[in-house]
Amino acid sequence: MKKRALRCVLGTGYILLLTTLLLYQAGAFGGKREWQIAVLGTLFLGVALAVVLMLYIRVNDQIRRQEGNQSGCESVSAEAQGGAQKESAPQNLSVSGGSYEEIYAHFLSVMGAYTLSERELEVAWLLYRGYTNRQIGEALYIAETTVKKHVSHIYQKMNVQSRKEFRATITP
């Protein structure tokens, strides 16, 4: 809740700073001024505006990540799934009775034995969840051919030949 309030304050501050900058440039503050003072004033307000905007974006991202974790979207964040329309992907994760966090923790512990890159790990998670190559590409904003290449590397590193073998390797 504190982050939401901070986001509101930062958003309001951003609007106030932007309005002040525009009014300052329009000459609404004070009468005639030296050009050096005008440049320094504009520069100061611009830097303040950039800092507030950066803080606002950072807080907003943290809120989105937190909401994503609470709704069960730990690996692929809401931003990554944002605009892409997806067919419904199978979500039948095979750790019986386990929560999403337990399933993901198990997945990570098994995958820790293999030297996968960060992107390959993301692809492997979606692969484990039953996404098609096309759905993985849409979720991660990469081409389907790139997904195929990642899947091929994952299979090589894990010494498996199919999705069924891949899932069997991970499933307890």
N, C-alpha and C. Protein backbone atom coordinates (compact mmCIF):
# COMPACT_ATOMS: atom_id res chain seq x y z
N MET A 1 0.83 -1.19 0.00
CA MET A 1 0.00 0.00 0.00
C MET A 1 0.87 1.25 0.00
N LYS A 2 2.01 1.18 0.69
CA LYS A 2 2.91 2.33 0.73
C LYS A 2 3.44 2.66 -0.67
N LYS A 3 3.70 1.61 -1.45
CA LYS A 3 4.21 1.83 -2.80
C LYS A 3 3.17 2.49 -3.68
N ARG A 4 1.91 2.13 -3.47
CA ARG A 4 0.84 2.76 -4.24
C ARG A 4 0.74 4.25 -3.90
N ALA A 5 0.85 4.57 -2.62
CA ALA A 5 0.82 5.97 -2.20
C ALA A 5 2.02 6.72 -2.77
N LEU A 6 3.18 6.07 -2.73
CA LEU A 6 4.39 6.69 -3.29
C LEU A 6 4.22 6.93 -4.78
N ARG A 7 3.62 5.96 -5.48
CA ARG A 7 3.38 6.12 -6.91
C ARG A 7 2.46 7.31 -7.16
N CYS A 8 1.45 7.47 -6.34
CA CYS A 8 0.52 8.59 -6.48
C CYS A 8 1.23 9.92 -6.24
N VAL A 9 2.06 9.98 -5.20
CA VAL A 9 2.80 11.21 -4.89
C VAL A 9 3.78 11.53 -6.03
N LEU A 10 4.49 10.52 -6.52
CA LEU A 10 5.45 10.75 -7.61
C LEU A 10 4.74 11.19 -8.88
N GLY A 11 3.60 10.59 -9.17
CA GLY A 11 2.83 10.99 -10.35
C GLY A 11 2.37 12.44 -10.25
N THR A 12 1.89 12.82 -9.08
CA THR A 12 1.47 14.21 -8.85
C THR A 12 2.67 15.14 -8.95
N GLY A 13 3.79 14.74 -8.35
CA GLY A 13 5.00 15.56 -8.43
C GLY A 13 5.47 15.75 -9.86
N TYR A 14 5.37 14.70 -10.65
CA TYR A 14 5.76 14.77 -12.05
C TYR A 14 4.90 15.79 -12.79
N ILE A 15 3.61 15.73 -12.57
CA ILE A 15 2.69 16.66 -13.24
C ILE A 15 2.98 18.10 -12.79
N LEU A 16 3.22 18.29 -11.49
CA LEU A 16 3.52 19.64 -10.99
C LEU A 16 4.83 20.18 -11.57
N LEU A 17 5.86 19.33 -11.61
CA LEU A 17 7.13 19.76 -12.17
C LEU A 17 7.02 20.08 -13.65
N LEU A 18 6.28 19.27 -14.37
CA LEU A 18 6.09 19.52 -15.80
C LEU A 18 5.34 20.83 -16.03
N THR A 19 4.31 21.06 -15.24
CA THR A 19 3.55 22.31 -15.34
C THR A 19 4.44 23.50 -15.00
N THR A 20 5.24 23.37 -13.95
CA THR A 20 6.15 24.44 -13.57
C THR A 20 7.15 24.73 -14.68
N LEU A 21 7.70 23.68 -15.27
CA LEU A 21 8.65 23.86 -16.37
C LEU A 21 8.01 24.60 -17.54
N LEU A 22 6.81 24.20 -17.90
CA LEU A 22 6.12 24.86 -19.01
C LEU A 22 5.81 26.32 -18.69
N LEU A 23 5.34 26.57 -17.48
CA LEU A 23 5.05 27.96 -17.09
C LEU A 23 6.33 28.79 -17.03
N TYR A 24 7.41 28.18 -16.57
CA TYR A 24 8.69 28.88 -16.50
C TYR A 24 9.16 29.26 -17.90
N GLN A 25 9.02 28.31 -18.83
CA GLN A 25 9.43 28.58 -20.20
C GLN A 25 8.55 29.64 -20.86
N ALA A 26 7.30 29.68 -20.45
CA ALA A 26 6.38 30.67 -21.02
C ALA A 26 6.61 32.05 -20.41
N GLY A 27 7.45 32.14 -19.39
CA GLY A 27 7.75 33.43 -18.78
C GLY A 27 6.74 33.85 -17.73
N ALA A 28 5.97 32.90 -17.21
CA ALA A 28 4.94 33.22 -16.22
C ALA A 28 5.55 33.57 -14.86
N PHE A 29 6.76 33.10 -14.60
CA PHE A 29 7.42 33.41 -13.32
C PHE A 29 8.37 34.57 -13.52
N GLY A 30 8.13 35.66 -12.82
CA GLY A 30 9.02 36.82 -12.86
C GLY A 30 8.91 37.58 -14.16
N GLY A 31 9.59 38.66 -14.21
CA GLY A 31 9.59 39.49 -15.41
C GLY A 31 10.73 39.10 -16.32
N LYS A 32 11.48 40.11 -16.75
CA LYS A 32 12.60 39.89 -17.65
C LYS A 32 13.74 39.22 -16.89
N ARG A 33 14.36 38.24 -17.52
CA ARG A 33 15.46 37.55 -16.85
C ARG A 33 16.61 37.32 -17.83
N GLU A 34 17.74 37.10 -17.28
CA GLU A 34 18.92 36.83 -18.09
C GLU A 34 18.81 35.43 -18.69
N TRP A 35 19.39 35.26 -19.87
CA TRP A 35 19.29 33.96 -20.52
C TRP A 35 20.00 32.87 -19.74
N GLN A 36 21.09 33.19 -19.03
CA GLN A 36 21.80 32.18 -18.24
C GLN A 36 20.92 31.64 -17.12
N ILE A 37 20.18 32.53 -16.49
CA ILE A 37 19.29 32.12 -15.41
C ILE A 37 18.16 31.26 -15.99
N ALA A 38 17.66 31.64 -17.15
CA ALA A 38 16.59 30.88 -17.78
C ALA A 38 17.06 29.47 -18.13
N VAL A 39 18.27 29.36 -18.67
CA VAL A 39 18.82 28.05 -19.04
C VAL A 39 19.05 27.21 -17.79
N LEU A 40 19.63 27.79 -16.74
CA LEU A 40 19.88 27.04 -15.52
C LEU A 40 18.57 26.61 -14.85
N GLY A 41 17.59 27.49 -14.85
CA GLY A 41 16.29 27.14 -14.27
C GLY A 41 15.63 26.00 -15.02
N THR A 42 15.68 26.08 -16.35
CA THR A 42 15.09 25.02 -17.17
C THR A 42 15.84 23.71 -16.96
N LEU A 43 17.16 23.78 -16.91
CA LEU A 43 17.98 22.60 -16.68
C LEU A 43 17.66 21.97 -15.33
N PHE A 44 17.57 22.78 -14.29
CA PHE A 44 17.26 22.28 -12.96
C PHE A 44 15.89 21.59 -12.93
N LEU A 45 14.90 22.24 -13.50
CA LEU A 45 13.55 21.66 -13.52
C LEU A 45 13.52 20.38 -14.38
N GLY A 46 14.26 20.37 -15.48
CA GLY A 46 14.31 19.19 -16.34
C GLY A 46 14.94 18.00 -15.63
N VAL A 47 16.03 18.24 -14.90
CA VAL A 47 16.69 17.16 -14.15
C VAL A 47 15.75 16.65 -13.06
N ALA A 48 15.11 17.56 -12.34
CA ALA A 48 14.16 17.16 -11.30
C ALA A 48 13.03 16.33 -11.91
N LEU A 49 12.56 16.75 -13.07
CA LEU A 49 11.49 16.04 -13.77
C LEU A 49 11.94 14.62 -14.14
N ALA A 50 13.16 14.50 -14.64
CA ALA A 50 13.69 13.19 -15.04
C ALA A 50 13.84 12.26 -13.82
N VAL A 51 14.32 12.80 -12.71
CA VAL A 51 14.50 12.00 -11.50
C VAL A 51 13.16 11.50 -10.98
N VAL A 52 12.18 12.38 -10.93
CA VAL A 52 10.86 11.99 -10.45
C VAL A 52 10.25 10.94 -11.38
N LEU A 53 10.40 11.13 -12.68
CA LEU A 53 9.86 10.16 -13.64
C LEU A 53 10.53 8.80 -13.48
N MET A 54 11.85 8.79 -13.29
CA MET A 54 12.58 7.54 -13.11
C MET A 54 12.11 6.82 -11.84
N LEU A 55 11.93 7.57 -10.75
CA LEU A 55 11.44 6.97 -9.52
C LEU A 55 10.03 6.42 -9.70
N TYR A 56 9.20 7.17 -10.41
CA TYR A 56 7.82 6.74 -10.66
C TYR A 56 7.81 5.42 -11.43
N ILE A 57 8.62 5.33 -12.46
CA ILE A 57 8.68 4.12 -13.28
C ILE A 57 9.18 2.94 -12.45
N ARG A 58 10.21 3.17 -11.62
CA ARG A 58 10.76 2.10 -10.79
C ARG A 58 9.72 1.58 -9.80
N VAL A 59 9.02 2.49 -9.14
CA VAL A 59 7.99 2.08 -8.18
C VAL A 59 6.86 1.34 -8.90
N ASN A 60 6.46 1.87 -10.05
CA ASN A 60 5.40 1.24 -10.83
C ASN A 60 5.79 -0.18 -11.23
N ASP A 61 7.03 -0.38 -11.67
CA ASP A 61 7.50 -1.72 -12.05
C ASP A 61 7.49 -2.66 -10.85
N GLN A 62 7.90 -2.16 -9.68
CA GLN A 62 7.90 -3.00 -8.48
C GLN A 62 6.48 -3.41 -8.11
N ILE A 63 5.55 -2.50 -8.25
CA ILE A 63 4.15 -2.83 -7.96
C ILE A 63 3.65 -3.89 -8.92
N ARG A 64 3.95 -3.73 -10.20
CA ARG A 64 3.52 -4.73 -11.20
C ARG A 64 4.13 -6.09 -10.92
N ARG A 65 5.43 -6.11 -10.58
CA ARG A 65 6.09 -7.37 -10.27
C ARG A 65 5.45 -8.03 -9.05
N GLN A 66 5.17 -7.21 -8.04
CA GLN A 66 4.56 -7.73 -6.82
C GLN A 66 3.16 -8.29 -7.12
N GLU A 67 2.37 -7.58 -7.91
CA GLU A 67 1.05 -8.07 -8.28
C GLU A 67 1.16 -9.33 -9.12
N GLY A 68 2.16 -9.38 -9.99
CA GLY A 68 2.37 -10.57 -10.82
C GLY A 68 2.72 -11.77 -9.97
N ASN A 69 3.57 -11.59 -8.95
CA ASN A 69 3.94 -12.69 -8.06
C ASN A 69 2.74 -13.17 -7.27
N GLN A 70 1.89 -12.25 -6.84
CA GLN A 70 0.73 -12.63 -6.05
C GLN A 70 -0.28 -13.39 -6.89
N SER A 71 -0.37 -13.08 -8.18
CA SER A 71 -1.34 -13.78 -9.02
C SER A 71 -0.76 -15.04 -9.65
N GLY A 72 0.50 -15.37 -9.31
CA GLY A 72 1.08 -16.62 -9.79
C GLY A 72 1.81 -16.50 -11.09
N CYS A 73 2.32 -15.34 -11.43
CA CYS A 73 3.06 -15.16 -12.68
C CYS A 73 4.49 -14.79 -12.34
N GLU A 74 5.22 -15.69 -11.69
CA GLU A 74 6.53 -15.35 -11.19
C GLU A 74 7.58 -15.22 -12.29
N SER A 75 7.64 -16.18 -13.20
CA SER A 75 8.72 -16.17 -14.19
C SER A 75 8.44 -15.23 -15.34
N VAL A 76 7.27 -15.32 -15.89
CA VAL A 76 6.93 -14.48 -17.02
C VAL A 76 6.03 -13.38 -16.46
N SER A 77 6.56 -12.19 -16.36
CA SER A 77 5.82 -11.11 -15.71
C SER A 77 4.66 -10.62 -16.55
N ALA A 78 3.83 -9.83 -15.93
CA ALA A 78 2.67 -9.30 -16.63
C ALA A 78 3.10 -8.46 -17.82
N GLU A 79 4.23 -7.76 -17.69
CA GLU A 79 4.69 -6.96 -18.83
C GLU A 79 5.07 -7.85 -20.00
N ALA A 80 5.71 -8.98 -19.71
CA ALA A 80 6.14 -9.86 -20.79
C ALA A 80 4.95 -10.50 -21.49
N GLN A 81 3.83 -10.66 -20.77
CA GLN A 81 2.68 -11.28 -21.38
C GLN A 81 1.70 -10.25 -21.91
N GLY A 82 1.95 -8.98 -21.63
CA GLY A 82 1.09 -7.86 -21.92
C GLY A 82 0.26 -7.90 -23.17
N GLY A 83 0.76 -7.36 -24.29
CA GLY A 83 -0.06 -7.15 -25.47
C GLY A 83 -0.26 -8.38 -26.32
N ALA A 84 0.54 -9.41 -26.15
CA ALA A 84 0.42 -10.57 -27.02
C ALA A 84 -0.80 -11.38 -26.65
N GLN A 85 -1.61 -11.71 -27.65
CA GLN A 85 -2.76 -12.55 -27.40
C GLN A 85 -2.29 -13.98 -27.42
N LYS A 86 -2.73 -14.75 -26.44
CA LYS A 86 -2.29 -16.12 -26.35
C LYS A 86 -3.46 -17.06 -26.41
N GLU A 87 -3.20 -18.20 -27.01
CA GLU A 87 -4.15 -19.28 -26.89
C GLU A 87 -3.97 -19.80 -25.47
N SER A 88 -4.98 -20.43 -24.93
CA SER A 88 -4.82 -20.89 -23.55
C SER A 88 -3.82 -22.04 -23.54
N ALA A 89 -2.79 -21.88 -22.73
CA ALA A 89 -1.75 -22.90 -22.63
C ALA A 89 -2.07 -23.83 -21.49
N PRO A 90 -1.75 -25.10 -21.64
CA PRO A 90 -1.98 -26.04 -20.55
C PRO A 90 -1.20 -25.61 -19.31
N GLN A 91 -1.84 -25.65 -18.18
CA GLN A 91 -1.18 -25.22 -16.94
C GLN A 91 -1.06 -26.37 -15.96
N ASN A 92 -1.26 -27.61 -16.43
CA ASN A 92 -1.25 -28.75 -15.51
C ASN A 92 0.17 -29.07 -15.09
N LEU A 93 0.64 -28.38 -14.07
CA LEU A 93 1.99 -28.60 -13.58
C LEU A 93 1.96 -29.84 -12.70
N SER A 94 3.01 -30.66 -12.82
CA SER A 94 2.90 -32.01 -12.34
C SER A 94 3.34 -32.28 -10.91
N VAL A 95 3.67 -31.32 -10.12
CA VAL A 95 3.98 -31.60 -8.73
C VAL A 95 2.65 -31.67 -8.01
N SER A 96 2.26 -32.87 -7.60
CA SER A 96 0.90 -33.07 -7.09
C SER A 96 0.66 -32.27 -5.82
N GLY A 97 -0.43 -31.51 -5.85
CA GLY A 97 -0.85 -30.75 -4.69
C GLY A 97 0.05 -29.60 -4.31
N GLY A 98 1.08 -29.33 -5.08
CA GLY A 98 1.99 -28.26 -4.73
C GLY A 98 1.50 -26.92 -5.20
N SER A 99 1.90 -25.89 -4.48
CA SER A 99 1.55 -24.53 -4.89
C SER A 99 2.44 -24.13 -6.06
N TYR A 100 2.08 -23.05 -6.69
CA TYR A 100 2.85 -22.56 -7.83
C TYR A 100 4.30 -22.33 -7.42
N GLU A 101 4.49 -21.73 -6.26
CA GLU A 101 5.86 -21.43 -5.78
C GLU A 101 6.65 -22.71 -5.56
N GLU A 102 6.00 -23.75 -5.01
CA GLU A 102 6.69 -25.02 -4.78
C GLU A 102 7.09 -25.67 -6.11
N ILE A 103 6.17 -25.60 -7.07
CA ILE A 103 6.44 -26.19 -8.39
C ILE A 103 7.61 -25.46 -9.05
N TYR A 104 7.59 -24.13 -8.97
CA TYR A 104 8.66 -23.34 -9.58
C TYR A 104 9.99 -23.61 -8.88
N ALA A 105 9.96 -23.72 -7.55
CA ALA A 105 11.18 -24.01 -6.79
C ALA A 105 11.74 -25.38 -7.17
N HIS A 106 10.85 -26.36 -7.33
CA HIS A 106 11.29 -27.69 -7.76
C HIS A 106 11.91 -27.62 -9.16
N PHE A 107 11.23 -26.91 -10.04
CA PHE A 107 11.74 -26.75 -11.41
C PHE A 107 13.15 -26.15 -11.39
N LEU A 108 13.33 -25.09 -10.60
CA LEU A 108 14.64 -24.44 -10.54
C LEU A 108 15.70 -25.36 -9.93
N SER A 109 15.32 -26.15 -8.94
CA SER A 109 16.30 -27.06 -8.33
C SER A 109 16.75 -28.12 -9.33
N VAL A 110 15.81 -28.64 -10.11
CA VAL A 110 16.18 -29.64 -11.12
C VAL A 110 17.03 -28.99 -12.21
N MET A 111 16.62 -27.81 -12.66
CA MET A 111 17.32 -27.16 -13.75
C MET A 111 18.70 -26.64 -13.33
N GLY A 112 18.91 -26.51 -12.03
CA GLY A 112 20.22 -26.07 -11.53
C GLY A 112 21.34 -27.01 -11.90
N ALA A 113 21.00 -28.26 -12.17
CA ALA A 113 22.01 -29.25 -12.53
C ALA A 113 22.51 -29.07 -13.96
N TYR A 114 21.81 -28.26 -14.74
CA TYR A 114 22.17 -28.04 -16.14
C TYR A 114 22.65 -26.61 -16.31
N THR A 115 23.54 -26.40 -17.25
CA THR A 115 24.10 -25.06 -17.47
C THR A 115 23.30 -24.33 -18.54
N LEU A 116 22.11 -23.89 -18.17
CA LEU A 116 21.26 -23.16 -19.10
C LEU A 116 21.47 -21.66 -18.92
N SER A 117 21.39 -20.94 -20.03
CA SER A 117 21.44 -19.48 -19.95
C SER A 117 20.13 -19.00 -19.34
N GLU A 118 20.08 -17.74 -18.99
CA GLU A 118 18.87 -17.17 -18.40
C GLU A 118 17.68 -17.29 -19.36
N ARG A 119 17.91 -17.00 -20.63
CA ARG A 119 16.83 -17.07 -21.62
C ARG A 119 16.39 -18.52 -21.83
N GLU A 120 17.35 -19.44 -21.85
CA GLU A 120 17.00 -20.85 -22.00
C GLU A 120 16.17 -21.33 -20.81
N LEU A 121 16.48 -20.81 -19.62
CA LEU A 121 15.71 -21.16 -18.44
C LEU A 121 14.28 -20.63 -18.55
N GLU A 122 14.11 -19.43 -19.08
CA GLU A 122 12.77 -18.88 -19.29
C GLU A 122 11.99 -19.74 -20.29
N VAL A 123 12.65 -20.10 -21.38
CA VAL A 123 12.01 -20.94 -22.39
C VAL A 123 11.67 -22.31 -21.79
N ALA A 124 12.59 -22.86 -21.01
CA ALA A 124 12.36 -24.18 -20.39
C ALA A 124 11.15 -24.14 -19.46
N TRP A 125 11.00 -23.06 -18.70
CA TRP A 125 9.86 -22.95 -17.79
C TRP A 125 8.54 -22.96 -18.56
N LEU A 126 8.49 -22.19 -19.63
CA LEU A 126 7.26 -22.16 -20.42
C LEU A 126 7.04 -23.49 -21.14
N LEU A 127 8.12 -24.11 -21.55
CA LEU A 127 8.05 -25.43 -22.17
C LEU A 127 7.48 -26.44 -21.18
N TYR A 128 7.97 -26.39 -19.96
CA TYR A 128 7.49 -27.27 -18.90
C TYR A 128 6.02 -27.05 -18.61
N ARG A 129 5.59 -25.81 -18.71
CA ARG A 129 4.19 -25.47 -18.45
C ARG A 129 3.28 -25.86 -19.61
N GLY A 130 3.84 -26.31 -20.72
CA GLY A 130 3.03 -26.82 -21.83
C GLY A 130 2.78 -25.83 -22.94
N TYR A 131 3.51 -24.72 -22.98
CA TYR A 131 3.34 -23.74 -24.05
C TYR A 131 3.89 -24.31 -25.35
N THR A 132 3.28 -23.92 -26.46
CA THR A 132 3.81 -24.27 -27.78
C THR A 132 4.96 -23.31 -28.09
N ASN A 133 5.73 -23.64 -29.14
CA ASN A 133 6.82 -22.73 -29.53
C ASN A 133 6.28 -21.35 -29.88
N ARG A 134 5.15 -21.30 -30.54
CA ARG A 134 4.56 -20.02 -30.92
C ARG A 134 4.16 -19.21 -29.68
N GLN A 135 3.55 -19.89 -28.71
CA GLN A 135 3.13 -19.21 -27.49
C GLN A 135 4.34 -18.71 -26.69
N ILE A 136 5.40 -19.50 -26.67
CA ILE A 136 6.63 -19.09 -25.99
C ILE A 136 7.19 -17.84 -26.66
N GLY A 137 7.23 -17.86 -27.99
CA GLY A 137 7.72 -16.70 -28.73
C GLY A 137 6.92 -15.45 -28.44
N GLU A 138 5.60 -15.59 -28.38
CA GLU A 138 4.74 -14.44 -28.09
C GLU A 138 4.95 -13.94 -26.66
N ALA A 139 5.08 -14.86 -25.72
CA ALA A 139 5.24 -14.48 -24.32
C ALA A 139 6.57 -13.78 -24.07
N LEU A 140 7.62 -14.20 -24.78
CA LEU A 140 8.95 -13.64 -24.56
C LEU A 140 9.36 -12.62 -25.62
N TYR A 141 8.46 -12.35 -26.57
CA TYR A 141 8.72 -11.40 -27.65
C TYR A 141 9.95 -11.78 -28.46
N ILE A 142 10.01 -13.05 -28.84
CA ILE A 142 11.09 -13.52 -29.71
C ILE A 142 10.47 -14.32 -30.84
N ALA A 143 11.23 -14.51 -31.91
CA ALA A 143 10.73 -15.25 -33.08
C ALA A 143 10.61 -16.73 -32.75
N GLU A 144 9.68 -17.37 -33.43
CA GLU A 144 9.47 -18.81 -33.22
C GLU A 144 10.73 -19.60 -33.58
N THR A 145 11.46 -19.16 -34.59
CA THR A 145 12.71 -19.85 -34.95
C THR A 145 13.74 -19.74 -33.81
N THR A 146 13.75 -18.61 -33.13
CA THR A 146 14.65 -18.44 -31.98
C THR A 146 14.23 -19.39 -30.86
N VAL A 147 12.94 -19.53 -30.65
CA VAL A 147 12.43 -20.47 -29.64
C VAL A 147 12.90 -21.88 -29.98
N LYS A 148 12.78 -22.26 -31.26
CA LYS A 148 13.20 -23.60 -31.68
C LYS A 148 14.68 -23.82 -31.38
N LYS A 149 15.48 -22.80 -31.61
CA LYS A 149 16.92 -22.89 -31.34
C LYS A 149 17.17 -23.08 -29.85
N HIS A 150 16.46 -22.30 -29.01
CA HIS A 150 16.60 -22.44 -27.56
C HIS A 150 16.17 -23.84 -27.10
N VAL A 151 15.06 -24.32 -27.63
CA VAL A 151 14.56 -25.65 -27.26
C VAL A 151 15.59 -26.71 -27.65
N SER A 152 16.18 -26.56 -28.83
CA SER A 152 17.21 -27.49 -29.27
C SER A 152 18.40 -27.50 -28.31
N HIS A 153 18.84 -26.32 -27.89
CA HIS A 153 19.96 -26.22 -26.94
C HIS A 153 19.59 -26.84 -25.59
N ILE A 154 18.37 -26.60 -25.15
CA ILE A 154 17.91 -27.17 -23.88
C ILE A 154 17.93 -28.69 -23.96
N TYR A 155 17.39 -29.25 -25.04
CA TYR A 155 17.37 -30.69 -25.22
C TYR A 155 18.78 -31.27 -25.23
N GLN A 156 19.71 -30.59 -25.93
CA GLN A 156 21.09 -31.06 -25.98
C GLN A 156 21.72 -31.07 -24.59
N LYS A 157 21.54 -29.98 -23.86
CA LYS A 157 22.15 -29.87 -22.53
C LYS A 157 21.55 -30.87 -21.54
N MET A 158 20.28 -31.19 -21.72
CA MET A 158 19.61 -32.11 -20.80
C MET A 158 19.64 -33.55 -21.31
N ASN A 159 20.14 -33.74 -22.52
CA ASN A 159 20.23 -35.05 -23.15
C ASN A 159 18.86 -35.72 -23.25
N VAL A 160 17.89 -34.96 -23.78
CA VAL A 160 16.54 -35.49 -24.02
C VAL A 160 16.20 -35.26 -25.49
N GLN A 161 15.17 -35.97 -25.96
CA GLN A 161 14.82 -35.90 -27.38
C GLN A 161 13.44 -35.30 -27.64
N SER A 162 12.60 -35.18 -26.61
CA SER A 162 11.23 -34.73 -26.84
C SER A 162 10.72 -33.96 -25.62
N ARG A 163 9.57 -33.32 -25.82
CA ARG A 163 8.94 -32.59 -24.71
C ARG A 163 8.53 -33.56 -23.61
N LYS A 164 8.09 -34.74 -24.01
CA LYS A 164 7.67 -35.74 -23.04
C LYS A 164 8.85 -36.16 -22.15
N GLU A 165 10.02 -36.39 -22.77
CA GLU A 165 11.23 -36.73 -22.01
C GLU A 165 11.65 -35.56 -21.14
N PHE A 166 11.54 -34.35 -21.68
CA PHE A 166 11.91 -33.14 -20.96
C PHE A 166 11.08 -33.03 -19.68
N ARG A 167 9.76 -33.17 -19.81
CA ARG A 167 8.87 -33.07 -18.65
C ARG A 167 9.14 -34.20 -17.67
N ALA A 168 9.43 -35.40 -18.18
CA ALA A 168 9.70 -36.55 -17.31
C ALA A 168 10.97 -36.33 -16.49
N THR A 169 11.94 -35.64 -17.08
CA THR A 169 13.18 -35.35 -16.37
C THR A 169 12.94 -34.42 -15.19
N ILE A 170 12.01 -33.51 -15.35
CA ILE A 170 11.74 -32.50 -14.31
C ILE A 170 10.76 -33.02 -13.27
N THR A 171 9.78 -33.79 -13.71
CA THR A 171 8.73 -34.27 -12.81
C THR A 171 9.30 -35.25 -11.81
N PRO A 172 8.96 -35.05 -10.51
CA PRO A 172 9.51 -35.96 -9.48
C PRO A 172 8.92 -37.35 -9.58
